[in-house]
PDB file of N, CA and C in Angstrom:
ATOM      1  N   MET A   1    -207.476 159.262 -33.647  1.00  0.00           N
ATOM      2  CA  MET A   1    -207.833 157.682 -34.142  1.00  0.00           C
ATOM      3  C   MET A   1    -208.898 157.257 -33.679  1.00  0.00           C
ATOM      4  N   ASP A   2    -209.802 156.835 -34.185  1.00  0.00           N
ATOM      5  CA  ASP A   2    -211.435 156.153 -33.758  1.00  0.00           C
ATOM      6  C   ASP A   2    -211.281 154.566 -33.720  1.00  0.00           C
ATOM      7  N   ILE A   3    -211.420 154.479 -32.473  1.00  0.00           N
ATOM      8  CA  ILE A   3    -211.598 152.899 -31.997  1.00  0.00           C
ATOM      9  C   ILE A   3    -213.033 152.303 -31.572  1.00  0.00           C
ATOM     10  N   SER A   4    -213.336 151.485 -32.631  1.00  0.00           N
ATOM     11  CA  SER A   4    -214.444 151.196 -32.621  1.00  0.00           C
ATOM     12  C   SER A   4    -214.994 149.964 -31.841  1.00  0.00           C
ATOM     13  N   ALA A   5    -216.435 150.180 -31.067  1.00  0.00           N
ATOM     14  CA  ALA A   5    -216.396 148.239 -30.435  1.00  0.00           C
ATOM     15  C   ALA A   5    -216.239 147.606 -31.318  1.00  0.00           C
ATOM     16  N   VAL A   6    -215.842 146.321 -30.393  1.00  0.00           N
ATOM     17  CA  VAL A   6    -215.551 145.098 -30.744  1.00  0.00           C
ATOM     18  C   VAL A   6    -216.627 144.324 -30.274  1.00  0.00           C
ATOM     19  N   SER A   7    -217.100 143.222 -31.675  1.00  0.00           N
ATOM     20  CA  SER A   7    -218.118 142.657 -31.308  1.00  0.00           C
ATOM     21  C   SER A   7    -217.593 141.182 -30.545  1.00  0.00           C
ATOM     22  N   ARG A   8    -218.310 140.969 -29.165  1.00  0.00           N
ATOM     23  CA  ARG A   8    -217.851 139.757 -28.890  1.00  0.00           C
ATOM     24  C   ARG A   8    -218.917 138.344 -29.545  1.00  0.00           C
ATOM     25  N   THR A   9    -219.563 138.378 -30.214  1.00  0.00           N
ATOM     26  CA  THR A   9    -220.774 137.612 -29.980  1.00  0.00           C
ATOM     27  C   THR A   9    -220.299 136.746 -31.851  1.00  0.00           C
ATOM     28  N   VAL A  10    -220.624 135.710 -31.446  1.00  0.00           N
ATOM     29  CA  VAL A  10    -219.985 135.032 -32.786  1.00  0.00           C
ATOM     30  C   VAL A  10    -221.262 134.707 -33.745  1.00  0.00           C
ATOM     31  N   PRO A  11    -220.756 134.687 -34.932  1.00  0.00           N
ATOM     32  CA  PRO A  11    -221.789 134.463 -36.216  1.00  0.00           C
ATOM     33  C   PRO A  11    -222.717 132.972 -35.838  1.00  0.00           C
ATOM     34  N   ALA A  12    -224.067 132.790 -36.393  1.00  0.00           N
ATOM     35  CA  ALA A  12    -224.294 131.318 -36.183  1.00  0.00           C
ATOM     36  C   ALA A  12    -223.631 130.612 -36.797  1.00  0.00           C
ATOM     37  N   ALA A  13    -223.483 131.202 -38.088  1.00  0.00           N
ATOM     38  CA  ALA A  13    -223.037 130.442 -38.960  1.00  0.00           C
ATOM     39  C   ALA A  13    -221.777 129.558 -38.639  1.00  0.00           C
ATOM     40  N   GLY A  14    -221.078 129.990 -38.073  1.00  0.00           N
ATOM     41  CA  GLY A  14    -219.633 129.762 -37.324  1.00  0.00           C
ATOM     42  C   GLY A  14    -219.533 128.699 -36.170  1.00  0.00           C
ATOM     43  N   ILE A  15    -221.100 128.442 -35.745  1.00  0.00           N
ATOM     44  CA  ILE A  15    -221.049 127.797 -34.524  1.00  0.00           C
ATOM     45  C   ILE A  15    -221.568 126.345 -35.185  1.00  0.00           C
ATOM     46  N   ALA A  16    -220.861 125.110 -34.807  1.00  0.00           N
ATOM     47  CA  ALA A  16    -220.837 123.646 -35.592  1.00  0.00           C
ATOM     48  C   ALA A  16    -221.779 123.255 -34.308  1.00  0.00           C
ATOM     49  N   GLU A  17    -222.785 122.518 -34.702  1.00  0.00           N
ATOM     50  CA  GLU A  17    -223.903 121.547 -33.889  1.00  0.00           C
ATOM     51  C   GLU A  17    -222.952 120.166 -33.614  1.00  0.00           C
ATOM     52  N   PRO A  18    -222.994 120.094 -32.263  1.00  0.00           N
ATOM     53  CA  PRO A  18    -222.366 118.539 -32.162  1.00  0.00           C
ATOM     54  C   PRO A  18    -222.800 117.529 -32.347  1.00  0.00           C
ATOM     55  N   ALA A  19    -221.803 116.647 -32.994  1.00  0.00           N
ATOM     56  CA  ALA A  19    -222.098 115.408 -33.776  1.00  0.00           C
ATOM     57  C   ALA A  19    -222.778 114.177 -32.305  1.00  0.00           C
ATOM     58  N   PRO A  20    -223.907 113.750 -33.118  1.00  0.00           N
ATOM     59  CA  PRO A  20    -224.814 112.733 -32.152  1.00  0.00           C
ATOM     60  C   PRO A  20    -224.056 111.665 -31.772  1.00  0.00           C
ATOM     61  N   VAL A  21    -224.262 111.781 -30.605  1.00  0.00           N
ATOM     62  CA  VAL A  21    -223.381 110.501 -30.281  1.00  0.00           C
ATOM     63  C   VAL A  21    -223.853 109.013 -30.247  1.00  0.00           C
ATOM     64  N   ASP A  22    -222.949 107.934 -30.791  1.00  0.00           N
ATOM     65  CA  ASP A  22    -223.428 106.906 -31.512  1.00  0.00           C
ATOM     66  C   ASP A  22    -222.842 105.666 -29.852  1.00  0.00           C
ATOM     67  N   LYS A  23    -224.147 105.649 -29.478  1.00  0.00           N
ATOM     68  CA  LYS A  23    -224.082 104.650 -28.188  1.00  0.00           C
ATOM     69  C   LYS A  23    -223.447 103.261 -27.906  1.00  0.00           C
ATOM     70  N   GLY A  24    -223.747 102.728 -29.526  1.00  0.00           N
ATOM     71  CA  GLY A  24    -223.489 101.234 -29.517  1.00  0.00           C
ATOM     72  C   GLY A  24    -222.040 101.300 -29.735  1.00  0.00           C
ATOM     73  N   ALA A  25    -221.114 102.327 -30.723  1.00  0.00           N
ATOM     74  CA  ALA A  25    -219.613 102.667 -30.962  1.00  0.00           C
ATOM     75  C   ALA A  25    -219.218 102.902 -29.530  1.00  0.00           C
ATOM     76  N   GLU A  26    -219.767 103.638 -29.100  1.00  0.00           N
ATOM     77  CA  GLU A  26    -219.198 104.212 -27.264  1.00  0.00           C
ATOM     78  C   GLU A  26    -219.362 102.707 -26.619  1.00  0.00           C
ATOM     79  N   ARG A  27    -220.046 102.097 -26.340  1.00  0.00           N
ATOM     80  CA  ARG A  27    -220.108 100.804 -25.708  1.00  0.00           C
ATOM     81  C   ARG A  27    -218.955  99.852 -26.080  1.00  0.00           C
ATOM     82  N   ARG A  28    -219.037  99.744 -27.338  1.00  0.00           N
ATOM     83  CA  ARG A  28    -217.750  98.667 -27.875  1.00  0.00           C
ATOM     84  C   ARG A  28    -216.580  99.321 -27.375  1.00  0.00           C
ATOM     85  N   ASP A  29    -216.080 100.453 -27.672  1.00  0.00           N
ATOM     86  CA  ASP A  29    -214.726 101.091 -27.801  1.00  0.00           C
ATOM     87  C   ASP A  29    -214.650 100.967 -25.829  1.00  0.00           C
ATOM     88  N   VAL A  30    -215.566 101.072 -25.028  1.00  0.00           N
ATOM     89  CA  VAL A  30    -215.232 100.896 -23.471  1.00  0.00           C
ATOM     90  C   VAL A  30    -215.155  99.415 -23.307  1.00  0.00           C
ATOM     91  N   VAL A  31    -216.068  98.322 -23.961  1.00  0.00           N
ATOM     92  CA  VAL A  31    -215.742  96.809 -23.838  1.00  0.00           C
ATOM     93  C   VAL A  31    -214.008  96.426 -24.327  1.00  0.00           C
ATOM     94  N   GLN A  32    -213.790  97.182 -25.210  1.00  0.00           N
ATOM     95  CA  GLN A  32    -212.167  96.880 -25.862  1.00  0.00           C
ATOM     96  C   GLN A  32    -211.358  97.304 -24.629  1.00  0.00           C
ATOM     97  N   ALA A  33    -211.779  98.882 -24.414  1.00  0.00           N
ATOM     98  CA  ALA A  33    -210.523  98.976 -23.456  1.00  0.00           C
ATOM     99  C   ALA A  33    -210.385  98.226 -22.162  1.00  0.00           C
ATOM    100  N   VAL A  34    -212.217  97.918 -21.696  1.00  0.00           N
ATOM    101  CA  VAL A  34    -211.683  96.806 -20.457  1.00  0.00           C
ATOM    102  C   VAL A  34    -211.250  95.275 -20.867  1.00  0.00           C
ATOM    103  N   LYS A  35    -211.135  94.568 -21.753  1.00  0.00           N
ATOM    104  CA  LYS A  35    -210.812  93.807 -22.439  1.00  0.00           C
ATOM    105  C   LYS A  35    -209.051  94.027 -21.925  1.00  0.00           C
ATOM    106  N   ALA A  36    -208.700  95.203 -22.934  1.00  0.00           N
ATOM    107  CA  ALA A  36    -207.367  95.530 -23.113  1.00  0.00           C
ATOM    108  C   ALA A  36    -206.433  95.626 -21.963  1.00  0.00           C
ATOM    109  N   VAL A  37    -206.875  96.327 -21.104  1.00  0.00           N
ATOM    110  CA  VAL A  37    -206.547  96.140 -19.365  1.00  0.00           C
ATOM    111  C   VAL A  37    -206.857  95.217 -18.495  1.00  0.00           C
ATOM    112  N   ASN A  38    -207.988  94.171 -18.821  1.00  0.00           N
ATOM    113  CA  ASN A  38    -207.924  92.752 -18.575  1.00  0.00           C
ATOM    114  C   ASN A  38    -206.817  91.713 -19.002  1.00  0.00           C
ATOM    115  N   ALA A  39    -206.392  92.223 -19.974  1.00  0.00           N
ATOM    116  CA  ALA A  39    -204.934  91.353 -20.898  1.00  0.00           C
ATOM    117  C   ALA A  39    -203.631  91.797 -20.531  1.00  0.00           C
ATOM    118  N   THR A  40    -203.668  92.792 -19.524  1.00  0.00           N
ATOM    119  CA  THR A  40    -202.369  93.107 -19.179  1.00  0.00           C
ATOM    120  C   THR A  40    -202.170  92.603 -17.621  1.00  0.00           C
ATOM    121  N   GLU A  41    -203.411  92.202 -16.891  1.00  0.00           N
ATOM    122  CA  GLU A  41    -203.180  91.278 -15.527  1.00  0.00           C
ATOM    123  C   GLU A  41    -202.943  92.206 -14.927  1.00  0.00           C
ATOM    124  N   MET A  42    -203.453  93.990 -14.975  1.00  0.00           N
ATOM    125  CA  MET A  42    -202.762  94.953 -14.184  1.00  0.00           C
ATOM    126  C   MET A  42    -203.300  94.740 -12.410  1.00  0.00           C
ATOM    127  N   PHE A  43    -204.424  94.376 -12.478  1.00  0.00           N
ATOM    128  CA  PHE A  43    -204.923  93.652 -11.202  1.00  0.00           C
ATOM    129  C   PHE A  43    -204.545  92.218 -10.514  1.00  0.00           C
ATOM    130  N   GLY A  44    -203.833  91.705 -11.467  1.00  0.00           N
ATOM    131  CA  GLY A  44    -203.299  90.602 -10.613  1.00  0.00           C
ATOM    132  C   GLY A  44    -203.721  89.494 -11.321  1.00  0.00           C
ATOM    133  N   LEU A  45    -203.305  88.450 -11.532  1.00  0.00           N
ATOM    134  CA  LEU A  45    -203.883  87.080 -12.296  1.00  0.00           C
ATOM    135  C   LEU A  45    -205.252  86.444 -11.933  1.00  0.00           C
ATOM    136  N   GLU A  46    -205.543  86.781 -10.735  1.00  0.00           N
ATOM    137  CA  GLU A  46    -207.301  86.356 -10.541  1.00  0.00           C
ATOM    138  C   GLU A  46    -207.991  87.269 -10.345  1.00  0.00           C
ATOM    139  N   ASN A  47    -207.727  88.557 -10.581  1.00  0.00           N
ATOM    140  CA  ASN A  47    -208.794  89.359 -11.014  1.00  0.00           C
ATOM    141  C   ASN A  47    -208.978  89.909 -11.974  1.00  0.00           C
ATOM    142  N   GLU A  48    -210.091  90.950 -12.287  1.00  0.00           N
ATOM    143  CA  GLU A  48    -210.631  91.103 -13.364  1.00  0.00           C
ATOM    144  C   GLU A  48    -211.303  92.540 -13.457  1.00  0.00           C
ATOM    145  N   LEU A  49    -211.115  93.833 -14.098  1.00  0.00           N
ATOM    146  CA  LEU A  49    -211.820  94.619 -14.116  1.00  0.00           C
ATOM    147  C   LEU A  49    -213.164  94.329 -15.104  1.00  0.00           C
ATOM    148  N   ARG A  50    -214.420  95.307 -14.224  1.00  0.00           N
ATOM    149  CA  ARG A  50    -216.086  94.955 -14.569  1.00  0.00           C
ATOM    150  C   ARG A  50    -216.296  96.089 -14.631  1.00  0.00           C
ATOM    151  N   PHE A  51    -217.051  96.685 -15.728  1.00  0.00           N
ATOM    152  CA  PHE A  51    -217.676  98.124 -15.477  1.00  0.00           C
ATOM    153  C   PHE A  51    -219.376  97.600 -15.815  1.00  0.00           C
ATOM    154  N   GLN A  52    -220.020  98.127 -14.988  1.00  0.00           N
ATOM    155  CA  GLN A  52    -221.355  97.582 -14.812  1.00  0.00           C
ATOM    156  C   GLN A  52    -222.517  98.995 -14.290  1.00  0.00           C
ATOM    157  N   VAL A  53    -223.755  98.793 -14.881  1.00  0.00           N
ATOM    158  CA  VAL A  53    -224.451 100.343 -14.409  1.00  0.00           C
ATOM    159  C   VAL A  53    -225.326  99.824 -13.412  1.00  0.00           C
ATOM    160  N   ASP A  54    -225.105 100.743 -11.960  1.00  0.00           N
ATOM    161  CA  ASP A  54    -225.563 100.033 -11.018  1.00  0.00           C
ATOM    162  C   ASP A  54    -227.352 100.726 -11.554  1.00  0.00           C
ATOM    163  N   PRO A  55    -228.289  99.372 -10.771  1.00  0.00           N
ATOM    164  CA  PRO A  55    -229.560  99.344 -11.136  1.00  0.00           C
ATOM    165  C   PRO A  55    -230.567 100.169 -10.257  1.00  0.00           C
ATOM    166  N   HIS A  56    -229.935 101.049  -9.456  1.00  0.00           N
ATOM    167  CA  HIS A  56    -230.901 101.789  -8.617  1.00  0.00           C
ATOM    168  C   HIS A  56    -230.527 103.172  -9.226  1.00  0.00           C
ATOM    169  N   SER A  57    -229.247 103.568  -8.927  1.00  0.00           N
ATOM    170  CA  SER A  57    -229.076 104.814  -9.609  1.00  0.00           C
ATOM    171  C   SER A  57    -228.685 105.261 -11.120  1.00  0.00           C
ATOM    172  N   GLN A  58    -228.534 103.948 -11.646  1.00  0.00           N
ATOM    173  CA  GLN A  58    -228.338 103.969 -13.202  1.00  0.00           C
ATOM    174  C   GLN A  58    -226.742 104.731 -13.308  1.00  0.00           C
ATOM    175  N   ARG A  59    -225.823 104.607 -12.137  1.00  0.00           N
ATOM    176  CA  ARG A  59    -224.565 105.340 -12.583  1.00  0.00           C
ATOM    177  C   ARG A  59    -223.926 104.002 -13.040  1.00  0.00           C
ATOM    178  N   ILE A  60    -222.476 104.436 -14.007  1.00  0.00           N
ATOM    179  CA  ILE A  60    -221.653 103.494 -13.834  1.00  0.00           C
ATOM    180  C   ILE A  60    -220.610 103.220 -12.917  1.00  0.00           C
ATOM    181  N   VAL A  61    -220.562 102.007 -12.707  1.00  0.00           N
ATOM    182  CA  VAL A  61    -219.654 101.573 -11.462  1.00  0.00           C
ATOM    183  C   VAL A  61    -218.757 100.469 -11.673  1.00  0.00           C
ATOM    184  N   VAL A  62    -217.415 101.054 -11.382  1.00  0.00           N
ATOM    185  CA  VAL A  62    -216.244 100.130 -11.830  1.00  0.00           C
ATOM    186  C   VAL A  62    -215.676  98.829 -10.574  1.00  0.00           C
ATOM    187  N   ARG A  63    -215.988  97.932 -10.957  1.00  0.00           N
ATOM    188  CA  ARG A  63    -215.422  96.445 -10.108  1.00  0.00           C
ATOM    189  C   ARG A  63    -214.106  95.705 -10.364  1.00  0.00           C
ATOM    190  N   VAL A  64    -213.426  95.573  -9.292  1.00  0.00           N
ATOM    191  CA  VAL A  64    -212.491  94.731  -9.456  1.00  0.00           C
ATOM    192  C   VAL A  64    -213.170  93.034  -8.604  1.00  0.00           C
ATOM    193  N   VAL A  65    -213.260  92.410  -9.916  1.00  0.00           N
ATOM    194  CA  VAL A  65    -213.606  91.022  -9.257  1.00  0.00           C
ATOM    195  C   VAL A  65    -212.409  89.853  -9.321  1.00  0.00           C
ATOM    196  N   ASN A  66    -212.734  88.968  -8.396  1.00  0.00           N
ATOM    197  CA  ASN A  66    -212.111  87.662  -8.447  1.00  0.00           C
ATOM    198  C   ASN A  66    -212.567  87.118  -9.307  1.00  0.00           C
ATOM    199  N   LYS A  67    -211.651  86.112 -10.416  1.00  0.00           N
ATOM    200  CA  LYS A  67    -212.488  85.809 -11.547  1.00  0.00           C
ATOM    201  C   LYS A  67    -212.866  84.502 -11.543  1.00  0.00           C
ATOM    202  N   LYS A  68    -212.424  83.789 -10.208  1.00  0.00           N
ATOM    203  CA  LYS A  68    -212.686  81.884  -9.569  1.00  0.00           C
ATOM    204  C   LYS A  68    -213.828  82.381  -8.798  1.00  0.00           C
ATOM    205  N   THR A  69    -213.795  82.944  -7.991  1.00  0.00           N
ATOM    206  CA  THR A  69    -215.383  83.237  -6.930  1.00  0.00           C
ATOM    207  C   THR A  69    -215.710  83.921  -7.122  1.00  0.00           C
ATOM    208  N   HIS A  70    -215.790  85.298  -8.297  1.00  0.00           N
ATOM    209  CA  HIS A  70    -216.583  86.016  -8.515  1.00  0.00           C
ATOM    210  C   HIS A  70    -216.697  87.060  -7.301  1.00  0.00           C
ATOM    211  N   GLU A  71    -215.761  87.299  -6.159  1.00  0.00           N
ATOM    212  CA  GLU A  71    -216.254  87.922  -5.303  1.00  0.00           C
ATOM    213  C   GLU A  71    -215.781  89.665  -5.589  1.00  0.00           C
ATOM    214  N   GLU A  72    -216.133  90.298  -5.234  1.00  0.00           N
ATOM    215  CA  GLU A  72    -215.593  91.916  -5.381  1.00  0.00           C
ATOM    216  C   GLU A  72    -214.371  92.225  -4.148  1.00  0.00           C
ATOM    217  N   VAL A  73    -213.646  92.869  -5.324  1.00  0.00           N
ATOM    218  CA  VAL A  73    -212.217  93.133  -4.300  1.00  0.00           C
ATOM    219  C   VAL A  73    -212.500  94.318  -4.141  1.00  0.00           C
ATOM    220  N   SER A  74    -213.029  94.768  -4.831  1.00  0.00           N
ATOM    221  CA  SER A  74    -213.171  96.528  -4.996  1.00  0.00           C
ATOM    222  C   SER A  74    -214.117  97.275  -5.706  1.00  0.00           C
ATOM    223  N   GLN A  75    -214.862  98.565  -5.458  1.00  0.00           N
ATOM    224  CA  GLN A  75    -215.621  99.209  -6.465  1.00  0.00           C
ATOM    225  C   GLN A  75    -215.778 100.649  -6.337  1.00  0.00           C
ATOM    226  N   VAL A  76    -215.532 101.325  -7.331  1.00  0.00           N
ATOM    227  CA  VAL A  76    -215.610 102.520  -7.420  1.00  0.00           C
ATOM    228  C   VAL A  76    -216.948 103.017  -8.564  1.00  0.00           C
ATOM    229  N   PRO A  77    -217.680 103.802  -7.620  1.00  0.00           N
ATOM    230  CA  PRO A  77    -217.643 104.732  -6.440  1.00  0.00           C
ATOM    231  C   PRO A  77    -218.326 103.620  -5.713  1.00  0.00           C
ATOM    232  N   ALA A  78    -217.910 103.379  -4.234  1.00  0.00           N
ATOM    233  CA  ALA A  78    -218.112 102.833  -3.273  1.00  0.00           C
ATOM    234  C   ALA A  78    -219.535 102.260  -2.859  1.00  0.00           C
ATOM    235  N   GLU A  79    -220.179 101.767  -2.430  1.00  0.00           N
ATOM    236  CA  GLU A  79    -221.503 100.959  -2.228  1.00  0.00           C
ATOM    237  C   GLU A  79    -222.246 102.289  -1.577  1.00  0.00           C
ATOM    238  N   TYR A  80    -221.445 102.853  -0.563  1.00  0.00           N
ATOM    239  CA  TYR A  80    -221.772 103.791   0.565  1.00  0.00           C
ATOM    240  C   TYR A  80    -222.084 105.105   0.033  1.00  0.00           C
ATOM    241  N   VAL A  81    -220.881 104.860  -1.111  1.00  0.00           N
ATOM    242  CA  VAL A  81    -221.323 107.048  -2.099  1.00  0.00           C
ATOM    243  C   VAL A  81    -222.564 106.750  -2.562  1.00  0.00           C
ATOM    244  N   LEU A  82    -222.703 105.391  -3.357  1.00  0.00           N
ATOM    245  CA  LEU A  82    -224.099 105.312  -4.437  1.00  0.00           C
ATOM    246  C   LEU A  82    -225.195 105.541  -3.164  1.00  0.00           C
ATOM    247  N   ASN A  83    -225.181 104.889  -1.958  1.00  0.00           N
ATOM    248  CA  ASN A  83    -226.279 105.063  -1.180  1.00  0.00           C
ATOM    249  C   ASN A  83    -226.672 106.687  -0.769  1.00  0.00           C
ATOM    250  N   LEU A  84    -225.403 107.434  -0.687  1.00  0.00           N
ATOM    251  CA  LEU A  84    -225.400 108.660  -0.357  1.00  0.00           C
ATOM    252  C   LEU A  84    -226.549 109.598  -1.331  1.00  0.00           C
ATOM    253  N   ALA A  85    -225.557 108.969  -2.641  1.00  0.00           N
ATOM    254  CA  ALA A  85    -226.068 109.819  -3.771  1.00  0.00           C
ATOM    255  C   ALA A  85    -227.650 109.656  -3.614  1.00  0.00           C
ATOM    256  N   ALA A  86    -227.801 108.134  -3.722  1.00  0.00           N
ATOM    257  CA  ALA A  86    -230.014 107.712  -3.610  1.00  0.00           C
ATOM    258  C   ALA A  86    -230.251 109.027  -2.858  1.00  0.00           C
ATOM    259  N   ASP A  87    -230.150 108.807  -1.481  1.00  0.00           N
ATOM    260  CA  ASP A  87    -230.628 109.815  -0.467  1.00  0.00           C
ATOM    261  C   ASP A  87    -230.438 111.423  -0.834  1.00  0.00           C
ATOM    262  N   LEU A  88    -230.033 111.922  -1.806  1.00  0.00           N
ATOM    263  CA  LEU A  88    -229.920 113.471  -2.164  1.00  0.00           C
ATOM    264  C   LEU A  88    -231.097 113.731  -2.787  1.00  0.00           C
ATOM    265  N   PRO A  89    -231.532 114.965  -1.862  1.00  0.00           N
ATOM    266  CA  PRO A  89    -232.801 115.378  -2.925  1.00  0.00           C
ATOM    267  C   PRO A  89    -232.342 116.193  -4.159  1.00  0.00           C
ATOM    268  N   ILE A  90    -231.919 115.167  -5.230  1.00  0.00           N
ATOM    269  CA  ILE A  90    -231.447 116.396  -6.195  1.00  0.00           C
ATOM    270  C   ILE A  90    -232.696 115.664  -7.764  1.00  0.00           C
ATOM    271  N   SER A  91    -233.062 116.251  -8.568  1.00  0.00           N
ATOM    272  CA  SER A  91    -233.449 115.691  -9.633  1.00  0.00           C
ATOM    273  C   SER A  91    -232.863 114.635 -10.451  1.00  0.00           C
ATOM    274  N   LYS A  92    -233.598 114.299 -11.277  1.00  0.00           N
ATOM    275  CA  LYS A  92    -232.522 113.078 -12.581  1.00  0.00           C
ATOM    276  C   LYS A  92    -232.193 114.395 -13.004  1.00  0.00           C
ATOM    277  N   THR A  93    -232.405 115.556 -13.614  1.00  0.00           N
ATOM    278  CA  THR A  93    -231.343 115.970 -14.326  1.00  0.00           C
ATOM    279  C   THR A  93    -230.031 116.632 -13.674  1.00  0.00           C
ATOM    280  N   GLY A  94    -229.951 116.651 -12.841  1.00  0.00           N
ATOM    281  CA  GLY A  94    -228.843 116.947 -11.777  1.00  0.00           C
ATOM    282  C   GLY A  94    -228.648 118.138 -11.405  1.00  0.00           C
ATOM    283  N   ARG A  95    -229.925 118.823 -10.918  1.00  0.00           N
ATOM    284  CA  ARG A  95    -229.588 120.385 -10.527  1.00  0.00           C
ATOM    285  C   ARG A  95    -230.585 120.457  -9.465  1.00  0.00           C
TER     286      ARG A  95
END
């Protein structure tokens, strides 16, 4: 009985290119999700969820904010984590 080697390579025609990301549609989806979460009053009657981009790190920050006073109740990642990340000697590519 003759057993030949099995090729582990995938033909180029079988590989699909990833579809380009529509940033506008992605942003609308996030806005709709945040509105839906806030409508459930999951964080209480006085609080709401907010997504923002940190101006220094350019990372997405999730905050729970009091609707009346605009005081921050909590934040993920915490401010000290953003500060630690800013001090790390990592290139912009993350390598």
